[in-house]
């Protein structure tokens, strides 16, 4: 049986400790953010409140977004919205959006199209 010296054991323990500190960060939100964090009426707050990101204030970055859709809407009609999102920094970005009516009730459904979008279902 080989005996490990103190410096080797200390190095191994340091690696284990650092790994446990960063595991949550590495795997956080790997399957998508927590639902209802768009800060809309009835939501649970913002993505910043849930720890999705907390190194900067919500809506303070240089990213741009644009939502386009039809000029008019008939209740009950299915419409297409185009959401464009861009940034020159970082590889991954995300956002949440919620549809509400004039009385702040959540309404409608979203449908993801393509592999780079997802819809987080209600809890």
PDB file of N, CA and C in Angstrom:
ATOM      1  N   UNK A   1       0.842  -1.186   0.000  1.00  0.00           N
ATOM      2  CA  UNK A   1       0.000   0.000   0.000  1.00  0.00           C
ATOM      3  C   UNK A   1       0.884   1.245   0.000  1.00  0.00           C
ATOM      4  N   UNK A   2       0.610   2.141  -0.921  1.00  0.00           N
ATOM      5  CA  UNK A   2       1.405   3.359  -1.049  1.00  0.00           C
ATOM      6  C   UNK A   2       0.791   4.457  -0.185  1.00  0.00           C
ATOM      7  N   UNK A   3       1.608   5.149   0.552  1.00  0.00           N
ATOM      8  CA  UNK A   3       1.144   6.235   1.412  1.00  0.00           C
ATOM      9  C   UNK A   3       1.253   7.548   0.639  1.00  0.00           C
ATOM     10  N   UNK A   4       0.185   8.349   0.684  1.00  0.00           N
ATOM     11  CA  UNK A   4       0.154   9.642   0.000  1.00  0.00           C
ATOM     12  C   UNK A   4       0.738  10.693   0.934  1.00  0.00           C
ATOM     13  N   UNK A   5       1.654  11.513   0.415  1.00  0.00           N
ATOM     14  CA  UNK A   5       2.230  12.546   1.276  1.00  0.00           C
ATOM     15  C   UNK A   5       1.228  13.683   1.498  1.00  0.00           C
ATOM     16  N   UNK A   6       1.503  14.507   2.484  1.00  0.00           N
ATOM     17  CA  UNK A   6       0.567  15.567   2.886  1.00  0.00           C
ATOM     18  C   UNK A   6       0.296  16.571   1.767  1.00  0.00           C
ATOM     19  N   UNK A   7       1.286  16.933   0.987  1.00  0.00           N
ATOM     20  CA  UNK A   7       1.061  17.930  -0.067  1.00  0.00           C
ATOM     21  C   UNK A   7       0.173  17.363  -1.175  1.00  0.00           C
ATOM     22  N   UNK A   8       0.341  16.088  -1.514  1.00  0.00           N
ATOM     23  CA  UNK A   8      -0.517  15.462  -2.525  1.00  0.00           C
ATOM     24  C   UNK A   8      -1.944  15.364  -2.016  1.00  0.00           C
ATOM     25  N   UNK A   9      -2.104  14.958  -0.770  1.00  0.00           N
ATOM     26  CA  UNK A   9      -3.435  14.861  -0.171  1.00  0.00           C
ATOM     27  C   UNK A   9      -4.097  16.238  -0.116  1.00  0.00           C
ATOM     28  N   UNK A  10      -3.334  17.265   0.250  1.00  0.00           N
ATOM     29  CA  UNK A  10      -3.876  18.623   0.289  1.00  0.00           C
ATOM     30  C   UNK A  10      -4.328  19.096  -1.081  1.00  0.00           C
ATOM     31  N   UNK A  11      -3.547  18.781  -2.110  1.00  0.00           N
ATOM     32  CA  UNK A  11      -3.906  19.161  -3.479  1.00  0.00           C
ATOM     33  C   UNK A  11      -5.197  18.464  -3.911  1.00  0.00           C
ATOM     34  N   UNK A  12      -5.311  17.177  -3.620  1.00  0.00           N
ATOM     35  CA  UNK A  12      -6.520  16.424  -3.972  1.00  0.00           C
ATOM     36  C   UNK A  12      -7.737  17.003  -3.256  1.00  0.00           C
ATOM     37  N   UNK A  13      -7.608  17.300  -1.975  1.00  0.00           N
ATOM     38  CA  UNK A  13      -8.724  17.882  -1.217  1.00  0.00           C
ATOM     39  C   UNK A  13      -9.110  19.256  -1.761  1.00  0.00           C
ATOM     40  N   UNK A  14      -8.128  20.044  -2.181  1.00  0.00           N
ATOM     41  CA  UNK A  14      -8.417  21.361  -2.749  1.00  0.00           C
ATOM     42  C   UNK A  14      -9.205  21.209  -4.059  1.00  0.00           C
ATOM     43  N   UNK A  15      -8.818  20.265  -4.908  1.00  0.00           N
ATOM     44  CA  UNK A  15      -9.530  20.035  -6.171  1.00  0.00           C
ATOM     45  C   UNK A  15     -10.966  19.601  -5.896  1.00  0.00           C
ATOM     46  N   UNK A  16     -11.162  18.704  -4.944  1.00  0.00           N
ATOM     47  CA  UNK A  16     -12.514  18.251  -4.597  1.00  0.00           C
ATOM     48  C   UNK A  16     -13.344  19.419  -4.077  1.00  0.00           C
ATOM     49  N   UNK A  17     -12.764  20.247  -3.218  1.00  0.00           N
ATOM     50  CA  UNK A  17     -13.492  21.392  -2.659  1.00  0.00           C
ATOM     51  C   UNK A  17     -13.868  22.390  -3.754  1.00  0.00           C
ATOM     52  N   UNK A  18     -12.937  22.720  -4.635  1.00  0.00           N
ATOM     53  CA  UNK A  18     -13.235  23.659  -5.719  1.00  0.00           C
ATOM     54  C   UNK A  18     -14.271  23.090  -6.679  1.00  0.00           C
ATOM     55  N   UNK A  19     -14.185  21.810  -6.955  1.00  0.00           N
ATOM     56  CA  UNK A  19     -15.169  21.176  -7.842  1.00  0.00           C
ATOM     57  C   UNK A  19     -16.567  21.284  -7.265  1.00  0.00           C
ATOM     58  N   UNK A  20     -16.697  21.083  -5.970  1.00  0.00           N
ATOM     59  CA  UNK A  20     -18.028  21.167  -5.357  1.00  0.00           C
ATOM     60  C   UNK A  20     -18.562  22.594  -5.382  1.00  0.00           C
ATOM     61  N   UNK A  21     -17.681  23.582  -5.318  1.00  0.00           N
ATOM     62  CA  UNK A  21     -18.123  24.977  -5.376  1.00  0.00           C
ATOM     63  C   UNK A  21     -18.639  25.352  -6.758  1.00  0.00           C
ATOM     64  N   UNK A  22     -18.024  24.829  -7.810  1.00  0.00           N
ATOM     65  CA  UNK A  22     -18.375  25.222  -9.165  1.00  0.00           C
ATOM     66  C   UNK A  22     -19.377  24.303  -9.850  1.00  0.00           C
ATOM     67  N   UNK A  23     -19.708  23.180  -9.243  1.00  0.00           N
ATOM     68  CA  UNK A  23     -20.636  22.243  -9.876  1.00  0.00           C
ATOM     69  C   UNK A  23     -21.980  22.888 -10.144  1.00  0.00           C
ATOM     70  N   UNK A  24     -22.511  23.629  -9.177  1.00  0.00           N
ATOM     71  CA  UNK A  24     -23.804  24.284  -9.368  1.00  0.00           C
ATOM     72  C   UNK A  24     -23.740  25.277 -10.524  1.00  0.00           C
ATOM     73  N   UNK A  25     -22.662  26.035 -10.592  1.00  0.00           N
ATOM     74  CA  UNK A  25     -22.514  27.010 -11.666  1.00  0.00           C
ATOM     75  C   UNK A  25     -22.405  26.332 -13.027  1.00  0.00           C
ATOM     76  N   UNK A  26     -21.655  25.260 -13.095  1.00  0.00           N
ATOM     77  CA  UNK A  26     -21.458  24.576 -14.371  1.00  0.00           C
ATOM     78  C   UNK A  26     -22.736  23.963 -14.909  1.00  0.00           C
ATOM     79  N   UNK A  27     -23.575  23.456 -14.018  1.00  0.00           N
ATOM     80  CA  UNK A  27     -24.774  22.768 -14.461  1.00  0.00           C
ATOM     81  C   UNK A  27     -26.049  23.581 -14.277  1.00  0.00           C
ATOM     82  N   UNK A  28     -25.951  24.779 -13.739  1.00  0.00           N
ATOM     83  CA  UNK A  28     -27.136  25.611 -13.537  1.00  0.00           C
ATOM     84  C   UNK A  28     -27.782  25.947 -14.865  1.00  0.00           C
ATOM     85  N   UNK A  29     -29.053  25.763 -14.917  1.00  0.00           N
ATOM     86  CA  UNK A  29     -29.857  26.120 -16.073  1.00  0.00           C
ATOM     87  C   UNK A  29     -29.478  25.371 -17.354  1.00  0.00           C
ATOM     88  N   UNK A  30     -28.838  24.202 -17.229  1.00  0.00           N
ATOM     89  CA  UNK A  30     -28.451  23.453 -18.423  1.00  0.00           C
ATOM     90  C   UNK A  30     -29.659  22.948 -19.197  1.00  0.00           C
ATOM     91  N   UNK A  31     -30.807  22.825 -18.540  1.00  0.00           N
ATOM     92  CA  UNK A  31     -32.024  22.390 -19.236  1.00  0.00           C
ATOM     93  C   UNK A  31     -33.020  23.527 -19.396  1.00  0.00           C
ATOM     94  N   UNK A  32     -32.628  24.723 -19.036  1.00  0.00           N
ATOM     95  CA  UNK A  32     -33.514  25.873 -19.167  1.00  0.00           C
ATOM     96  C   UNK A  32     -33.707  26.551 -17.829  1.00  0.00           C
ATOM     97  N   UNK A  33     -34.142  27.786 -17.855  1.00  0.00           N
ATOM     98  CA  UNK A  33     -34.319  28.546 -16.624  1.00  0.00           C
ATOM     99  C   UNK A  33     -35.585  28.132 -15.881  1.00  0.00           C
ATOM    100  N   UNK A  34     -35.689  28.593 -14.666  1.00  0.00           N
ATOM    101  CA  UNK A  34     -36.911  28.379 -13.896  1.00  0.00           C
ATOM    102  C   UNK A  34     -38.032  29.197 -14.545  1.00  0.00           C
ATOM    103  N   UNK A  35     -39.207  28.597 -14.656  1.00  0.00           N
ATOM    104  CA  UNK A  35     -40.349  29.278 -15.279  1.00  0.00           C
ATOM    105  C   UNK A  35     -40.842  30.434 -14.409  1.00  0.00           C
ATOM    106  N   UNK A  36     -41.542  31.346 -15.038  1.00  0.00           N
ATOM    107  CA  UNK A  36     -42.169  32.502 -14.385  1.00  0.00           C
ATOM    108  C   UNK A  36     -41.152  33.431 -13.738  1.00  0.00           C
ATOM    109  N   UNK A  37     -40.118  33.781 -14.477  1.00  0.00           N
ATOM    110  CA  UNK A  37     -39.113  34.728 -13.995  1.00  0.00           C
ATOM    111  C   UNK A  37     -38.957  35.913 -14.939  1.00  0.00           C
ATOM    112  N   UNK A  38     -40.025  36.265 -15.662  1.00  0.00           N
ATOM    113  CA  UNK A  38     -39.978  37.400 -16.593  1.00  0.00           C
ATOM    114  C   UNK A  38     -40.357  38.709 -15.908  1.00  0.00           C
ATOM    115  N   UNK A  39     -40.672  38.651 -14.618  1.00  0.00           N
ATOM    116  CA  UNK A  39     -41.092  39.803 -13.819  1.00  0.00           C
ATOM    117  C   UNK A  39     -42.413  40.388 -14.300  1.00  0.00           C
ATOM    118  N   UNK A  40     -43.229  39.557 -14.939  1.00  0.00           N
ATOM    119  CA  UNK A  40     -44.579  39.970 -15.342  1.00  0.00           C
ATOM    120  C   UNK A  40     -45.515  39.798 -14.148  1.00  0.00           C
ATOM    121  N   UNK A  41     -46.670  40.440 -14.155  1.00  0.00           N
ATOM    122  CA  UNK A  41     -47.627  40.246 -13.060  1.00  0.00           C
ATOM    123  C   UNK A  41     -47.923  38.758 -12.863  1.00  0.00           C
ATOM    124  N   UNK A  42     -47.859  38.297 -11.617  1.00  0.00           N
ATOM    125  CA  UNK A  42     -48.090  36.889 -11.305  1.00  0.00           C
ATOM    126  C   UNK A  42     -46.838  36.035 -11.357  1.00  0.00           C
ATOM    127  N   UNK A  43     -45.729  36.582 -11.850  1.00  0.00           N
ATOM    128  CA  UNK A  43     -44.473  35.839 -11.902  1.00  0.00           C
ATOM    129  C   UNK A  43     -43.824  35.783 -10.523  1.00  0.00           C
ATOM    130  N   UNK A  44     -42.770  34.988 -10.418  1.00  0.00           N
ATOM    131  CA  UNK A  44     -42.032  34.817  -9.168  1.00  0.00           C
ATOM    132  C   UNK A  44     -40.867  35.794  -9.048  1.00  0.00           C
ATOM    133  N   UNK A  45     -40.837  36.810  -9.850  1.00  0.00           N
ATOM    134  CA  UNK A  45     -39.733  37.763  -9.821  1.00  0.00           C
ATOM    135  C   UNK A  45     -38.971  37.732 -11.127  1.00  0.00           C
ATOM    136  N   UNK A  46     -37.670  37.968 -11.040  1.00  0.00           N
ATOM    137  CA  UNK A  46     -36.831  38.011 -12.239  1.00  0.00           C
ATOM    138  C   UNK A  46     -35.862  36.839 -12.252  1.00  0.00           C
ATOM    139  N   UNK A  47     -35.207  36.666 -13.378  1.00  0.00           N
ATOM    140  CA  UNK A  47     -34.179  35.632 -13.470  1.00  0.00           C
ATOM    141  C   UNK A  47     -33.021  35.969 -12.535  1.00  0.00           C
ATOM    142  N   UNK A  48     -32.806  37.232 -12.263  1.00  0.00           N
ATOM    143  CA  UNK A  48     -31.776  37.642 -11.326  1.00  0.00           C
ATOM    144  C   UNK A  48     -32.113  37.165  -9.919  1.00  0.00           C
ATOM    145  N   UNK A  49     -33.396  37.211  -9.545  1.00  0.00           N
ATOM    146  CA  UNK A  49     -33.824  36.763  -8.220  1.00  0.00           C
ATOM    147  C   UNK A  49     -33.582  35.271  -8.018  1.00  0.00           C
ATOM    148  N   UNK A  50     -33.679  34.485  -9.087  1.00  0.00           N
ATOM    149  CA  UNK A  50     -33.546  33.034  -8.971  1.00  0.00           C
ATOM    150  C   UNK A  50     -32.099  32.567  -9.040  1.00  0.00           C
ATOM    151  N   UNK A  51     -31.171  33.471  -9.308  1.00  0.00           N
ATOM    152  CA  UNK A  51     -29.768  33.100  -9.388  1.00  0.00           C
ATOM    153  C   UNK A  51     -29.320  32.719 -10.782  1.00  0.00           C
ATOM    154  N   UNK A  52     -30.200  32.867 -11.762  1.00  0.00           N
ATOM    155  CA  UNK A  52     -29.834  32.552 -13.147  1.00  0.00           C
ATOM    156  C   UNK A  52     -28.634  33.402 -13.551  1.00  0.00           C
ATOM    157  N   UNK A  53     -28.688  34.644 -13.235  1.00  0.00           N
ATOM    158  CA  UNK A  53     -27.523  35.516 -13.359  1.00  0.00           C
ATOM    159  C   UNK A  53     -27.631  36.540 -12.254  1.00  0.00           C
ATOM    160  N   UNK A  54     -26.516  36.818 -11.640  1.00  0.00           N
ATOM    161  CA  UNK A  54     -26.527  37.809 -10.567  1.00  0.00           C
ATOM    162  C   UNK A  54     -25.246  38.636 -10.555  1.00  0.00           C
ATOM    163  N   UNK A  55     -24.514  38.585 -11.642  1.00  0.00           N
ATOM    164  CA  UNK A  55     -23.288  39.371 -11.705  1.00  0.00           C
ATOM    165  C   UNK A  55     -23.531  40.764 -12.277  1.00  0.00           C
ATOM    166  N   UNK A  56     -24.751  41.031 -12.692  1.00  0.00           N
ATOM    167  CA  UNK A  56     -25.101  42.338 -13.237  1.00  0.00           C
ATOM    168  C   UNK A  56     -26.601  42.536 -13.086  1.00  0.00           C
ATOM    169  N   UNK A  57     -27.053  43.754 -13.196  1.00  0.00           N
ATOM    170  CA  UNK A  57     -28.472  44.064 -13.049  1.00  0.00           C
ATOM    171  C   UNK A  57     -29.255  43.612 -14.273  1.00  0.00           C
ATOM    172  N   UNK A  58     -30.511  43.253 -14.066  1.00  0.00           N
ATOM    173  CA  UNK A  58     -31.384  42.848 -15.161  1.00  0.00           C
ATOM    174  C   UNK A  58     -31.511  44.000 -16.154  1.00  0.00           C
ATOM    175  N   UNK A  59     -31.481  43.690 -17.422  1.00  0.00           N
ATOM    176  CA  UNK A  59     -31.619  44.656 -18.519  1.00  0.00           C
ATOM    177  C   UNK A  59     -30.516  45.715 -18.553  1.00  0.00           C
ATOM    178  N   UNK A  60     -29.336  45.383 -18.043  1.00  0.00           N
ATOM    179  CA  UNK A  60     -28.256  46.369 -18.028  1.00  0.00           C
ATOM    180  C   UNK A  60     -27.175  46.087 -19.064  1.00  0.00           C
ATOM    181  N   UNK A  61     -27.241  44.974 -19.753  1.00  0.00           N
ATOM    182  CA  UNK A  61     -26.202  44.602 -20.703  1.00  0.00           C
ATOM    183  C   UNK A  61     -26.354  45.286 -22.048  1.00  0.00           C
ATOM    184  N   UNK A  62     -25.521  44.857 -22.972  1.00  0.00           N
ATOM    185  CA  UNK A  62     -25.519  45.462 -24.303  1.00  0.00           C
ATOM    186  C   UNK A  62     -26.320  44.653 -25.319  1.00  0.00           C
ATOM    187  N   UNK A  63     -26.969  43.592 -24.890  1.00  0.00           N
ATOM    188  CA  UNK A  63     -27.753  42.765 -25.811  1.00  0.00           C
ATOM    189  C   UNK A  63     -28.941  43.555 -26.358  1.00  0.00           C
ATOM    190  N   UNK A  64     -29.382  43.157 -27.532  1.00  0.00           N
ATOM    191  CA  UNK A  64     -30.543  43.796 -28.143  1.00  0.00           C
ATOM    192  C   UNK A  64     -31.618  42.750 -28.397  1.00  0.00           C
ATOM    193  N   UNK A  65     -32.853  43.183 -28.349  1.00  0.00           N
ATOM    194  CA  UNK A  65     -33.958  42.270 -28.657  1.00  0.00           C
ATOM    195  C   UNK A  65     -35.022  43.032 -29.437  1.00  0.00           C
ATOM    196  N   UNK A  66     -35.752  42.284 -30.241  1.00  0.00           N
ATOM    197  CA  UNK A  66     -36.809  42.872 -31.050  1.00  0.00           C
ATOM    198  C   UNK A  66     -37.912  41.836 -31.203  1.00  0.00           C
ATOM    199  N   UNK A  67     -39.147  42.225 -30.926  1.00  0.00           N
ATOM    200  CA  UNK A  67     -40.304  41.351 -31.110  1.00  0.00           C
ATOM    201  C   UNK A  67     -41.171  41.972 -32.193  1.00  0.00           C
ATOM    202  N   UNK A  68     -41.427  41.213 -33.244  1.00  0.00           N
ATOM    203  CA  UNK A  68     -42.286  41.703 -34.321  1.00  0.00           C
ATOM    204  C   UNK A  68     -43.447  40.740 -34.506  1.00  0.00           C
ATOM    205  N   UNK A  69     -44.563  41.289 -34.910  1.00  0.00           N
ATOM    206  CA  UNK A  69     -45.766  40.493 -35.131  1.00  0.00           C
ATOM    207  C   UNK A  69     -46.736  41.254 -36.004  1.00  0.00           C
ATOM    208  N   UNK A  70     -47.938  40.720 -36.146  1.00  0.00           N
ATOM    209  CA  UNK A  70     -48.928  41.387 -37.001  1.00  0.00           C
ATOM    210  C   UNK A  70     -49.360  42.733 -36.423  1.00  0.00           C
ATOM    211  N   UNK A  71     -49.850  43.597 -37.283  1.00  0.00           N
ATOM    212  CA  UNK A  71     -50.300  44.929 -36.866  1.00  0.00           C
ATOM    213  C   UNK A  71     -51.585  44.861 -36.057  1.00  0.00           C
ATOM    214  N   UNK A  72     -52.383  43.803 -36.242  1.00  0.00           N
ATOM    215  CA  UNK A  72     -53.636  43.668 -35.486  1.00  0.00           C
ATOM    216  C   UNK A  72     -53.816  42.212 -35.068  1.00  0.00           C
ATOM    217  N   UNK A  73     -54.754  42.009 -34.149  1.00  0.00           N
ATOM    218  CA  UNK A  73     -54.973  40.680 -33.587  1.00  0.00           C
ATOM    219  C   UNK A  73     -56.455  40.501 -33.283  1.00  0.00           C
ATOM    220  N   UNK A  74     -56.989  39.332 -33.613  1.00  0.00           N
ATOM    221  CA  UNK A  74     -58.363  38.976 -33.275  1.00  0.00           C
ATOM    222  C   UNK A  74     -58.304  37.940 -32.161  1.00  0.00           C
ATOM    223  N   UNK A  75     -58.967  38.159 -31.022  1.00  0.00           N
ATOM    224  CA  UNK A  75     -58.929  37.185 -29.925  1.00  0.00           C
ATOM    225  C   UNK A  75     -59.234  35.767 -30.411  1.00  0.00           C
ATOM    226  N   UNK A  76     -58.428  34.825 -29.950  1.00  0.00           N
ATOM    227  CA  UNK A  76     -58.577  33.433 -30.337  1.00  0.00           C
ATOM    228  C   UNK A  76     -57.754  33.040 -31.553  1.00  0.00           C
ATOM    229  N   UNK A  77     -57.251  34.032 -32.265  1.00  0.00           N
ATOM    230  CA  UNK A  77     -56.465  33.792 -33.474  1.00  0.00           C
ATOM    231  C   UNK A  77     -55.038  33.379 -33.099  1.00  0.00           C
ATOM    232  N   UNK A  78     -54.471  32.437 -33.840  1.00  0.00           N
ATOM    233  CA  UNK A  78     -53.068  32.077 -33.673  1.00  0.00           C
ATOM    234  C   UNK A  78     -52.233  33.037 -34.505  1.00  0.00           C
ATOM    235  N   UNK A  79     -51.228  33.615 -33.872  1.00  0.00           N
ATOM    236  CA  UNK A  79     -50.366  34.560 -34.588  1.00  0.00           C
ATOM    237  C   UNK A  79     -48.916  34.117 -34.478  1.00  0.00           C
ATOM    238  N   UNK A  80     -48.099  34.614 -35.371  1.00  0.00           N
ATOM    239  CA  UNK A  80     -46.669  34.353 -35.317  1.00  0.00           C
ATOM    240  C   UNK A  80     -45.961  35.599 -34.819  1.00  0.00           C
ATOM    241  N   UNK A  81     -45.088  35.397 -33.850  1.00  0.00           N
ATOM    242  CA  UNK A  81     -44.221  36.456 -33.356  1.00  0.00           C
ATOM    243  C   UNK A  81     -42.797  36.078 -33.710  1.00  0.00           C
ATOM    244  N   UNK A  82     -42.022  37.045 -34.078  1.00  0.00           N
ATOM    245  CA  UNK A  82     -40.606  36.804 -34.326  1.00  0.00           C
ATOM    246  C   UNK A  82     -39.827  37.519 -33.237  1.00  0.00           C
ATOM    247  N   UNK A  83     -39.019  36.762 -32.530  1.00  0.00           N
ATOM    248  CA  UNK A  83     -38.189  37.323 -31.474  1.00  0.00           C
ATOM    249  C   UNK A  83     -36.740  37.244 -31.928  1.00  0.00           C
ATOM    250  N   UNK A  84     -36.106  38.391 -32.037  1.00  0.00           N
ATOM    251  CA  UNK A  84     -34.695  38.453 -32.428  1.00  0.00           C
ATOM    252  C   UNK A  84     -33.892  38.902 -31.219  1.00  0.00           C
ATOM    253  N   UNK A  85     -32.766  38.265 -31.018  1.00  0.00           N
ATOM    254  CA  UNK A  85     -31.941  38.546 -29.855  1.00  0.00           C
ATOM    255  C   UNK A  85     -30.493  38.530 -30.300  1.00  0.00           C
ATOM    256  N   UNK A  86     -29.733  39.528 -29.935  1.00  0.00           N
ATOM    257  CA  UNK A  86     -28.340  39.568 -30.345  1.00  0.00           C
ATOM    258  C   UNK A  86     -27.441  40.200 -29.311  1.00  0.00           C
ATOM    259  N   UNK A  87     -26.193  39.763 -29.324  1.00  0.00           N
ATOM    260  CA  UNK A  87     -25.193  40.324 -28.434  1.00  0.00           C
ATOM    261  C   UNK A  87     -23.818  40.021 -29.003  1.00  0.00           C
ATOM    262  N   UNK A  88     -22.892  40.899 -28.764  1.00  0.00           N
ATOM    263  CA  UNK A  88     -21.534  40.680 -29.250  1.00  0.00           C
ATOM    264  C   UNK A  88     -20.664  39.988 -28.211  1.00  0.00           C
ATOM    265  N   UNK A  89     -21.188  39.787 -27.006  1.00  0.00           N
ATOM    266  CA  UNK A  89     -20.390  39.157 -25.959  1.00  0.00           C
ATOM    267  C   UNK A  89     -21.034  37.849 -25.520  1.00  0.00           C
ATOM    268  N   UNK A  90     -20.217  36.914 -25.151  1.00  0.00           N
ATOM    269  CA  UNK A  90     -20.702  35.643 -24.637  1.00  0.00           C
ATOM    270  C   UNK A  90     -21.248  34.724 -25.715  1.00  0.00           C
ATOM    271  N   UNK A  91     -21.335  33.437 -25.372  1.00  0.00           N
ATOM    272  CA  UNK A  91     -21.824  32.444 -26.318  1.00  0.00           C
ATOM    273  C   UNK A  91     -23.278  32.089 -26.078  1.00  0.00           C
ATOM    274  N   UNK A  92     -23.724  32.154 -24.843  1.00  0.00           N
ATOM    275  CA  UNK A  92     -25.084  31.757 -24.510  1.00  0.00           C
ATOM    276  C   UNK A  92     -25.869  32.934 -23.972  1.00  0.00           C
ATOM    277  N   UNK A  93     -27.086  33.037 -24.404  1.00  0.00           N
ATOM    278  CA  UNK A  93     -27.972  34.087 -23.926  1.00  0.00           C
ATOM    279  C   UNK A  93     -29.365  33.512 -23.834  1.00  0.00           C
ATOM    280  N   UNK A  94     -30.202  34.175 -23.098  1.00  0.00           N
ATOM    281  CA  UNK A  94     -31.579  33.732 -23.024  1.00  0.00           C
ATOM    282  C   UNK A  94     -32.472  34.834 -22.510  1.00  0.00           C
ATOM    283  N   UNK A  95     -33.754  34.573 -22.561  1.00  0.00           N
ATOM    284  CA  UNK A  95     -34.729  35.524 -22.060  1.00  0.00           C
ATOM    285  C   UNK A  95     -36.012  34.761 -21.796  1.00  0.00           C
ATOM    286  N   UNK A  96     -36.900  35.378 -21.072  1.00  0.00           N
ATOM    287  CA  UNK A  96     -38.235  34.836 -20.866  1.00  0.00           C
ATOM    288  C   UNK A  96     -39.237  35.885 -21.289  1.00  0.00           C
ATOM    289  N   UNK A  97     -40.373  35.436 -21.774  1.00  0.00           N
ATOM    290  CA  UNK A  97     -41.455  36.359 -22.088  1.00  0.00           C
ATOM    291  C   UNK A  97     -42.769  35.714 -21.679  1.00  0.00           C
ATOM    292  N   UNK A  98     -43.725  36.548 -21.344  1.00  0.00           N
ATOM    293  CA  UNK A  98     -45.032  36.105 -20.877  1.00  0.00           C
ATOM    294  C   UNK A  98     -46.096  36.904 -21.608  1.00  0.00           C
ATOM    295  N   UNK A  99     -47.178  36.241 -21.988  1.00  0.00           N
ATOM    296  CA  UNK A  99     -48.317  36.935 -22.611  1.00  0.00           C
ATOM    297  C   UNK A  99     -49.358  37.204 -21.532  1.00  0.00           C
ATOM    298  N   UNK A 100     -49.781  38.467 -21.412  1.00  0.00           N
ATOM    299  CA  UNK A 100     -50.807  38.834 -20.433  1.00  0.00           C
ATOM    300  C   UNK A 100     -51.876  39.685 -21.107  1.00  0.00           C
ATOM    301  N   UNK A 101     -53.061  39.679 -20.518  1.00  0.00           N
ATOM    302  CA  UNK A 101     -54.141  40.517 -21.052  1.00  0.00           C
ATOM    303  C   UNK A 101     -54.160  41.859 -20.324  1.00  0.00           C
ATOM    304  N   UNK A 102     -55.149  42.689 -20.621  1.00  0.00           N
ATOM    305  CA  UNK A 102     -55.238  44.032 -20.037  1.00  0.00           C
ATOM    306  C   UNK A 102     -55.423  44.001 -18.524  1.00  0.00           C
ATOM    307  N   UNK A 103     -55.897  42.860 -17.990  1.00  0.00           N
ATOM    308  CA  UNK A 103     -56.089  42.719 -16.544  1.00  0.00           C
ATOM    309  C   UNK A 103     -54.928  41.986 -15.880  1.00  0.00           C
ATOM    310  N   UNK A 104     -53.810  41.855 -16.566  1.00  0.00           N
ATOM    311  CA  UNK A 104     -52.599  41.194 -16.072  1.00  0.00           C
ATOM    312  C   UNK A 104     -52.753  39.690 -15.853  1.00  0.00           C
ATOM    313  N   UNK A 105     -53.719  39.058 -16.533  1.00  0.00           N
ATOM    314  CA  UNK A 105     -53.860  37.608 -16.463  1.00  0.00           C
ATOM    315  C   UNK A 105     -52.996  36.975 -17.547  1.00  0.00           C
ATOM    316  N   UNK A 106     -52.304  35.883 -17.199  1.00  0.00           N
ATOM    317  CA  UNK A 106     -51.509  35.193 -18.209  1.00  0.00           C
ATOM    318  C   UNK A 106     -52.438  34.495 -19.186  1.00  0.00           C
ATOM    319  N   UNK A 107     -52.151  34.654 -20.462  1.00  0.00           N
ATOM    320  CA  UNK A 107     -53.014  34.106 -21.507  1.00  0.00           C
ATOM    321  C   UNK A 107     -52.168  33.471 -22.603  1.00  0.00           C
ATOM    322  N   UNK A 108     -52.815  32.692 -23.428  1.00  0.00           N
ATOM    323  CA  UNK A 108     -52.176  32.156 -24.621  1.00  0.00           C
ATOM    324  C   UNK A 108     -51.128  31.104 -24.348  1.00  0.00           C
ATOM    325  N   UNK A 109     -50.580  30.595 -25.431  1.00  0.00           N
ATOM    326  CA  UNK A 109     -49.531  29.578 -25.369  1.00  0.00           C
ATOM    327  C   UNK A 109     -48.454  29.934 -26.377  1.00  0.00           C
ATOM    328  N   UNK A 110     -47.246  29.567 -26.058  1.00  0.00           N
ATOM    329  CA  UNK A 110     -46.134  29.749 -26.976  1.00  0.00           C
ATOM    330  C   UNK A 110     -45.736  28.394 -27.527  1.00  0.00           C
ATOM    331  N   UNK A 111     -45.230  28.395 -28.733  1.00  0.00           N
ATOM    332  CA  UNK A 111     -44.757  27.167 -29.367  1.00  0.00           C
ATOM    333  C   UNK A 111     -43.322  27.391 -29.822  1.00  0.00           C
ATOM    334  N   UNK A 112     -42.442  26.516 -29.396  1.00  0.00           N
ATOM    335  CA  UNK A 112     -41.041  26.621 -29.803  1.00  0.00           C
ATOM    336  C   UNK A 112     -40.878  26.095 -31.222  1.00  0.00           C
ATOM    337  N   UNK A 113     -40.042  26.772 -31.978  1.00  0.00           N
ATOM    338  CA  UNK A 113     -39.732  26.288 -33.325  1.00  0.00           C
ATOM    339  C   UNK A 113     -38.221  26.183 -33.440  1.00  0.00           C
ATOM    340  N   UNK A 114     -37.752  25.083 -33.893  1.00  0.00           N
ATOM    341  CA  UNK A 114     -36.313  24.891 -34.047  1.00  0.00           C
ATOM    342  C   UNK A 114     -35.652  24.373 -32.786  1.00  0.00           C
ATOM    343  N   UNK A 115     -34.397  23.979 -32.938  1.00  0.00           N
ATOM    344  CA  UNK A 115     -33.639  23.379 -31.839  1.00  0.00           C
ATOM    345  C   UNK A 115     -33.060  24.402 -30.870  1.00  0.00           C
ATOM    346  N   UNK A 116     -33.073  25.660 -31.235  1.00  0.00           N
ATOM    347  CA  UNK A 116     -32.461  26.672 -30.375  1.00  0.00           C
ATOM    348  C   UNK A 116     -33.476  27.415 -29.520  1.00  0.00           C
ATOM    349  N   UNK A 117     -34.717  26.959 -29.524  1.00  0.00           N
ATOM    350  CA  UNK A 117     -35.741  27.581 -28.681  1.00  0.00           C
ATOM    351  C   UNK A 117     -36.413  26.521 -27.833  1.00  0.00           C
ATOM    352  N   UNK A 118     -36.939  26.928 -26.715  1.00  0.00           N
ATOM    353  CA  UNK A 118     -37.700  26.024 -25.874  1.00  0.00           C
ATOM    354  C   UNK A 118     -38.780  26.807 -25.150  1.00  0.00           C
ATOM    355  N   UNK A 119     -39.845  26.117 -24.806  1.00  0.00           N
ATOM    356  CA  UNK A 119     -40.917  26.696 -24.010  1.00  0.00           C
ATOM    357  C   UNK A 119     -40.888  25.974 -22.671  1.00  0.00           C
ATOM    358  N   UNK A 120     -40.749  26.742 -21.609  1.00  0.00           N
ATOM    359  CA  UNK A 120     -40.743  26.168 -20.267  1.00  0.00           C
ATOM    360  C   UNK A 120     -42.193  26.075 -19.816  1.00  0.00           C
ATOM    361  N   UNK A 121     -42.697  24.878 -19.552  1.00  0.00           N
ATOM    362  CA  UNK A 121     -44.106  24.752 -19.163  1.00  0.00           C
ATOM    363  C   UNK A 121     -44.375  25.313 -17.777  1.00  0.00           C
ATOM    364  N   UNK A 122     -45.637  25.606 -17.543  1.00  0.00           N
ATOM    365  CA  UNK A 122     -46.050  26.112 -16.233  1.00  0.00           C
ATOM    366  C   UNK A 122     -45.834  25.044 -15.173  1.00  0.00           C
ATOM    367  N   UNK A 123     -45.563  25.490 -13.954  1.00  0.00           N
ATOM    368  CA  UNK A 123     -45.398  24.546 -12.831  1.00  0.00           C
ATOM    369  C   UNK A 123     -46.742  24.073 -12.357  1.00  0.00           C
TER     370      UNK A 123
END
